[in-house]
C-alpha cells in the first residue's frame, strides 16, 4: 500500500524485483542507496520475512517510520554482539537479509 505512490509518481518499473522476491533462501540483498526512497521501496517490495539491516541514517529517520513498521528491521552496529548473532541465526535458518 505504501509502495503505490512511488510507483505512480516516479513510474517505477518493478518487473525485475520478482526475480529477487522469488530467490531461494538463504538470500542476502545488498541495497546501495543515495536517498531515502530506496530503503522505503525495498521495505515495501521485498518479502515480508526479510530482516532489514538498516544503516544509521535510515534507522533513525522519522520519515521512514511507516515503512520500518512494515518489516523486520534492526539498525546495524558492528560492535554489538546481538546484531552479529541475529544475522548468523537468520542465515542458518534459511532466512533473508537486506543490508543497506
N, C-alpha and C. Protein backbone atom coordinates (compact mmCIF):
# COMPACT_ATOMS: atom_id res chain seq x y z
N UNK A 1 0.82 -1.20 0.00
CA UNK A 1 0.00 0.00 0.00
C UNK A 1 0.87 1.27 0.00
N UNK A 2 1.94 1.26 0.79
CA UNK A 2 2.81 2.43 0.83
C UNK A 2 3.70 2.52 -0.41
N UNK A 3 3.70 1.49 -1.22
CA UNK A 3 4.50 1.47 -2.44
C UNK A 3 3.80 2.17 -3.60
N UNK A 4 2.50 2.17 -3.62
CA UNK A 4 1.71 2.69 -4.75
C UNK A 4 2.06 4.14 -5.10
N UNK A 5 2.20 5.05 -4.14
CA UNK A 5 2.56 6.44 -4.52
C UNK A 5 3.89 6.52 -5.27
N UNK A 6 4.88 5.71 -4.86
CA UNK A 6 6.16 5.70 -5.56
C UNK A 6 5.99 5.20 -6.99
N UNK A 7 5.26 4.12 -7.14
CA UNK A 7 5.08 3.53 -8.46
C UNK A 7 4.40 4.50 -9.41
N UNK A 8 3.39 5.19 -8.93
CA UNK A 8 2.65 6.12 -9.78
C UNK A 8 3.43 7.41 -10.04
N UNK A 9 3.98 8.00 -8.99
CA UNK A 9 4.65 9.29 -9.13
C UNK A 9 5.97 9.20 -9.88
N UNK A 10 6.72 8.12 -9.66
CA UNK A 10 8.05 8.02 -10.26
C UNK A 10 8.13 7.01 -11.40
N UNK A 11 6.99 6.44 -11.77
CA UNK A 11 6.91 5.46 -12.87
C UNK A 11 7.95 4.35 -12.71
N UNK A 12 7.95 3.75 -11.57
CA UNK A 12 8.92 2.72 -11.25
C UNK A 12 8.54 1.42 -11.94
N UNK A 13 9.50 0.84 -12.64
CA UNK A 13 9.30 -0.48 -13.25
C UNK A 13 9.72 -1.53 -12.22
N UNK A 14 8.82 -2.40 -11.86
CA UNK A 14 9.11 -3.35 -10.80
C UNK A 14 9.09 -4.81 -11.24
N UNK A 15 9.20 -5.05 -12.53
CA UNK A 15 9.17 -6.43 -13.02
C UNK A 15 10.35 -7.24 -12.51
N UNK A 16 11.53 -6.65 -12.43
CA UNK A 16 12.74 -7.39 -12.05
C UNK A 16 12.79 -7.70 -10.56
N UNK A 17 12.01 -7.01 -9.76
CA UNK A 17 12.01 -7.30 -8.32
C UNK A 17 11.41 -8.68 -8.06
N UNK A 18 10.60 -9.17 -8.98
CA UNK A 18 10.01 -10.51 -8.82
C UNK A 18 11.09 -11.58 -8.77
N UNK A 19 12.16 -11.39 -9.53
CA UNK A 19 13.27 -12.35 -9.51
C UNK A 19 13.88 -12.38 -8.11
N UNK A 20 14.10 -11.21 -7.53
CA UNK A 20 14.68 -11.13 -6.19
C UNK A 20 13.72 -11.70 -5.15
N UNK A 21 12.44 -11.42 -5.28
CA UNK A 21 11.46 -11.93 -4.32
C UNK A 21 11.35 -13.45 -4.36
N UNK A 22 11.55 -14.04 -5.53
CA UNK A 22 11.39 -15.49 -5.68
C UNK A 22 12.68 -16.28 -5.49
N UNK A 23 13.78 -15.60 -5.16
CA UNK A 23 15.05 -16.30 -4.96
C UNK A 23 14.94 -17.23 -3.76
N UNK A 24 15.57 -18.40 -3.88
CA UNK A 24 15.53 -19.37 -2.79
C UNK A 24 16.40 -18.89 -1.64
N UNK A 25 15.91 -19.06 -0.43
CA UNK A 25 16.65 -18.67 0.77
C UNK A 25 17.71 -19.72 1.07
N UNK A 26 18.80 -19.36 1.71
CA UNK A 26 19.13 -18.07 2.28
C UNK A 26 19.56 -17.07 1.21
N UNK A 27 19.18 -15.82 1.42
CA UNK A 27 19.46 -14.75 0.47
C UNK A 27 19.96 -13.53 1.23
N UNK A 28 20.94 -12.86 0.65
CA UNK A 28 21.38 -11.56 1.17
C UNK A 28 21.16 -10.55 0.05
N UNK A 29 20.28 -9.59 0.30
CA UNK A 29 20.05 -8.49 -0.64
C UNK A 29 20.95 -7.34 -0.20
N UNK A 30 21.72 -6.78 -1.10
CA UNK A 30 22.58 -5.64 -0.79
C UNK A 30 22.00 -4.44 -1.50
N UNK A 31 21.58 -3.44 -0.72
CA UNK A 31 20.94 -2.26 -1.28
C UNK A 31 21.86 -1.06 -1.11
N UNK A 32 22.30 -0.52 -2.21
CA UNK A 32 23.10 0.69 -2.20
C UNK A 32 22.16 1.85 -2.49
N UNK A 33 22.04 2.75 -1.55
CA UNK A 33 21.08 3.83 -1.75
C UNK A 33 21.72 5.19 -1.57
N UNK A 34 21.14 6.16 -2.27
CA UNK A 34 21.62 7.53 -2.20
C UNK A 34 20.55 8.48 -1.69
N UNK A 35 19.37 7.96 -1.49
CA UNK A 35 18.29 8.81 -0.99
C UNK A 35 17.46 8.00 0.00
N UNK A 36 16.41 8.60 0.49
CA UNK A 36 15.51 7.90 1.41
C UNK A 36 14.49 7.05 0.67
N UNK A 37 14.40 7.22 -0.63
CA UNK A 37 13.42 6.46 -1.40
C UNK A 37 13.77 4.97 -1.49
N UNK A 38 15.05 4.66 -1.69
CA UNK A 38 15.43 3.26 -1.88
C UNK A 38 15.11 2.39 -0.67
N UNK A 39 15.44 2.81 0.57
CA UNK A 39 15.04 1.97 1.71
C UNK A 39 13.53 1.81 1.81
N UNK A 40 12.79 2.87 1.54
CA UNK A 40 11.33 2.77 1.60
C UNK A 40 10.81 1.80 0.55
N UNK A 41 11.36 1.87 -0.64
CA UNK A 41 10.95 0.95 -1.70
C UNK A 41 11.26 -0.50 -1.35
N UNK A 42 12.46 -0.74 -0.86
CA UNK A 42 12.85 -2.12 -0.54
C UNK A 42 12.04 -2.66 0.63
N UNK A 43 11.75 -1.82 1.62
CA UNK A 43 10.89 -2.27 2.72
C UNK A 43 9.50 -2.62 2.22
N UNK A 44 9.07 -1.97 1.16
CA UNK A 44 7.75 -2.25 0.59
C UNK A 44 7.75 -3.47 -0.33
N UNK A 45 8.85 -3.68 -1.04
CA UNK A 45 8.86 -4.67 -2.12
C UNK A 45 9.44 -6.03 -1.77
N UNK A 46 10.39 -6.08 -0.86
CA UNK A 46 11.00 -7.37 -0.54
C UNK A 46 10.04 -8.22 0.29
N UNK A 47 10.23 -9.54 0.29
CA UNK A 47 9.32 -10.42 1.04
C UNK A 47 9.21 -10.04 2.52
N UNK A 48 8.06 -10.35 3.09
CA UNK A 48 7.79 -9.97 4.48
C UNK A 48 8.74 -10.62 5.48
N UNK A 49 9.29 -11.77 5.15
CA UNK A 49 10.17 -12.46 6.09
C UNK A 49 11.62 -11.97 6.03
N UNK A 50 11.88 -10.92 5.28
CA UNK A 50 13.23 -10.36 5.15
C UNK A 50 13.57 -9.53 6.39
N UNK A 51 14.77 -9.76 6.93
CA UNK A 51 15.28 -8.94 8.02
C UNK A 51 16.10 -7.82 7.40
N UNK A 52 15.70 -6.58 7.61
CA UNK A 52 16.37 -5.42 7.03
C UNK A 52 17.37 -4.86 8.03
N UNK A 53 18.65 -4.84 7.64
CA UNK A 53 19.72 -4.30 8.47
C UNK A 53 19.98 -2.89 7.95
N UNK A 54 19.44 -1.91 8.65
CA UNK A 54 19.47 -0.53 8.16
C UNK A 54 20.73 0.20 8.61
N UNK A 55 21.20 1.09 7.76
CA UNK A 55 22.28 1.98 8.14
C UNK A 55 21.75 2.95 9.19
N UNK A 56 22.65 3.64 9.85
CA UNK A 56 22.27 4.50 10.97
C UNK A 56 21.27 5.58 10.57
N UNK A 57 21.49 6.22 9.42
CA UNK A 57 20.59 7.30 8.98
C UNK A 57 19.18 6.78 8.72
N UNK A 58 19.07 5.64 8.05
CA UNK A 58 17.75 5.08 7.76
C UNK A 58 17.06 4.57 9.02
N UNK A 59 17.84 4.04 9.94
CA UNK A 59 17.26 3.51 11.18
C UNK A 59 16.68 4.60 12.06
N UNK A 60 17.21 5.82 11.95
CA UNK A 60 16.76 6.92 12.81
C UNK A 60 15.83 7.91 12.12
N UNK A 61 15.65 7.79 10.83
CA UNK A 61 14.86 8.76 10.08
C UNK A 61 13.37 8.66 10.42
N UNK A 62 12.78 9.75 10.91
CA UNK A 62 11.34 9.73 11.19
C UNK A 62 10.51 9.58 9.91
N UNK A 63 11.06 10.01 8.80
CA UNK A 63 10.36 9.92 7.51
C UNK A 63 10.11 8.47 7.12
N UNK A 64 11.01 7.56 7.49
CA UNK A 64 10.89 6.16 7.11
C UNK A 64 10.07 5.32 8.09
N UNK A 65 9.59 5.91 9.14
CA UNK A 65 8.87 5.15 10.17
C UNK A 65 7.73 4.29 9.63
N UNK A 66 6.86 4.79 8.76
CA UNK A 66 5.78 3.92 8.26
C UNK A 66 6.31 2.67 7.53
N UNK A 67 7.41 2.81 6.82
CA UNK A 67 7.98 1.68 6.10
C UNK A 67 8.71 0.73 7.05
N UNK A 68 9.38 1.28 8.05
CA UNK A 68 10.04 0.42 9.04
C UNK A 68 9.02 -0.43 9.78
N UNK A 69 7.82 0.10 9.98
CA UNK A 69 6.77 -0.66 10.65
C UNK A 69 6.29 -1.84 9.80
N UNK A 70 6.50 -1.78 8.49
CA UNK A 70 6.08 -2.86 7.60
C UNK A 70 6.92 -4.12 7.76
N UNK A 71 8.19 -3.95 8.03
CA UNK A 71 9.10 -5.09 8.01
C UNK A 71 9.84 -5.28 9.30
N UNK A 72 10.65 -6.32 9.30
CA UNK A 72 11.53 -6.60 10.44
C UNK A 72 12.81 -5.83 10.21
N UNK A 73 13.12 -4.89 11.08
CA UNK A 73 14.29 -4.04 10.89
C UNK A 73 15.12 -3.97 12.15
N UNK A 74 16.43 -3.85 11.97
CA UNK A 74 17.33 -3.52 13.07
C UNK A 74 18.38 -2.58 12.51
N UNK A 75 18.92 -1.75 13.39
CA UNK A 75 20.00 -0.84 12.99
C UNK A 75 21.31 -1.61 13.05
N UNK A 76 22.16 -1.41 12.07
CA UNK A 76 23.44 -2.11 12.04
C UNK A 76 24.40 -1.47 13.01
N UNK A 77 25.02 -2.30 13.83
CA UNK A 77 26.06 -1.87 14.74
C UNK A 77 27.08 -3.00 14.79
N UNK A 78 28.20 -2.82 14.14
CA UNK A 78 29.20 -3.89 14.02
C UNK A 78 29.78 -4.30 15.37
N UNK A 79 29.71 -3.42 16.36
CA UNK A 79 30.29 -3.72 17.66
C UNK A 79 29.31 -4.43 18.59
N UNK A 80 28.07 -4.50 18.22
CA UNK A 80 27.05 -5.10 19.09
C UNK A 80 26.93 -6.58 18.77
N UNK A 81 27.17 -7.43 19.76
CA UNK A 81 27.16 -8.88 19.57
C UNK A 81 25.79 -9.38 19.14
N UNK A 82 24.72 -8.77 19.65
CA UNK A 82 23.36 -9.21 19.33
C UNK A 82 23.10 -9.16 17.84
N UNK A 83 23.55 -8.11 17.19
CA UNK A 83 23.33 -7.96 15.75
C UNK A 83 24.03 -9.08 15.00
N UNK A 84 25.28 -9.37 15.34
CA UNK A 84 26.02 -10.43 14.66
C UNK A 84 25.36 -11.78 14.85
N UNK A 85 24.93 -12.09 16.05
CA UNK A 85 24.26 -13.37 16.31
C UNK A 85 22.97 -13.49 15.53
N UNK A 86 22.23 -12.41 15.49
CA UNK A 86 20.95 -12.44 14.78
C UNK A 86 21.16 -12.65 13.28
N UNK A 87 22.17 -12.02 12.71
CA UNK A 87 22.47 -12.21 11.29
C UNK A 87 22.80 -13.66 10.99
N UNK A 88 23.64 -14.26 11.81
CA UNK A 88 24.02 -15.65 11.60
C UNK A 88 22.81 -16.56 11.77
N UNK A 89 21.99 -16.30 12.77
CA UNK A 89 20.81 -17.13 13.02
C UNK A 89 19.83 -17.07 11.85
N UNK A 90 19.64 -15.89 11.29
CA UNK A 90 18.73 -15.75 10.15
C UNK A 90 19.25 -16.51 8.94
N UNK A 91 20.53 -16.40 8.67
CA UNK A 91 21.10 -17.09 7.51
C UNK A 91 21.13 -18.60 7.70
N UNK A 92 21.44 -19.06 8.89
CA UNK A 92 21.44 -20.51 9.15
C UNK A 92 20.03 -21.07 9.04
N UNK A 93 19.04 -20.27 9.39
CA UNK A 93 17.66 -20.70 9.32
C UNK A 93 17.06 -20.51 7.93
N UNK A 94 17.92 -20.36 6.94
CA UNK A 94 17.49 -20.14 5.56
C UNK A 94 16.59 -18.92 5.43
N UNK A 95 17.01 -17.85 6.07
CA UNK A 95 16.25 -16.61 6.02
C UNK A 95 16.75 -15.66 4.94
N UNK A 96 16.22 -14.46 4.99
CA UNK A 96 16.56 -13.42 4.02
C UNK A 96 17.03 -12.18 4.77
N UNK A 97 18.13 -11.60 4.29
CA UNK A 97 18.66 -10.37 4.86
C UNK A 97 18.72 -9.31 3.77
N UNK A 98 18.40 -8.09 4.14
CA UNK A 98 18.60 -6.94 3.26
C UNK A 98 19.54 -6.00 4.00
N UNK A 99 20.69 -5.75 3.43
CA UNK A 99 21.70 -4.92 4.07
C UNK A 99 21.81 -3.61 3.30
N UNK A 100 21.73 -2.50 4.02
CA UNK A 100 21.77 -1.18 3.41
C UNK A 100 23.11 -0.54 3.68
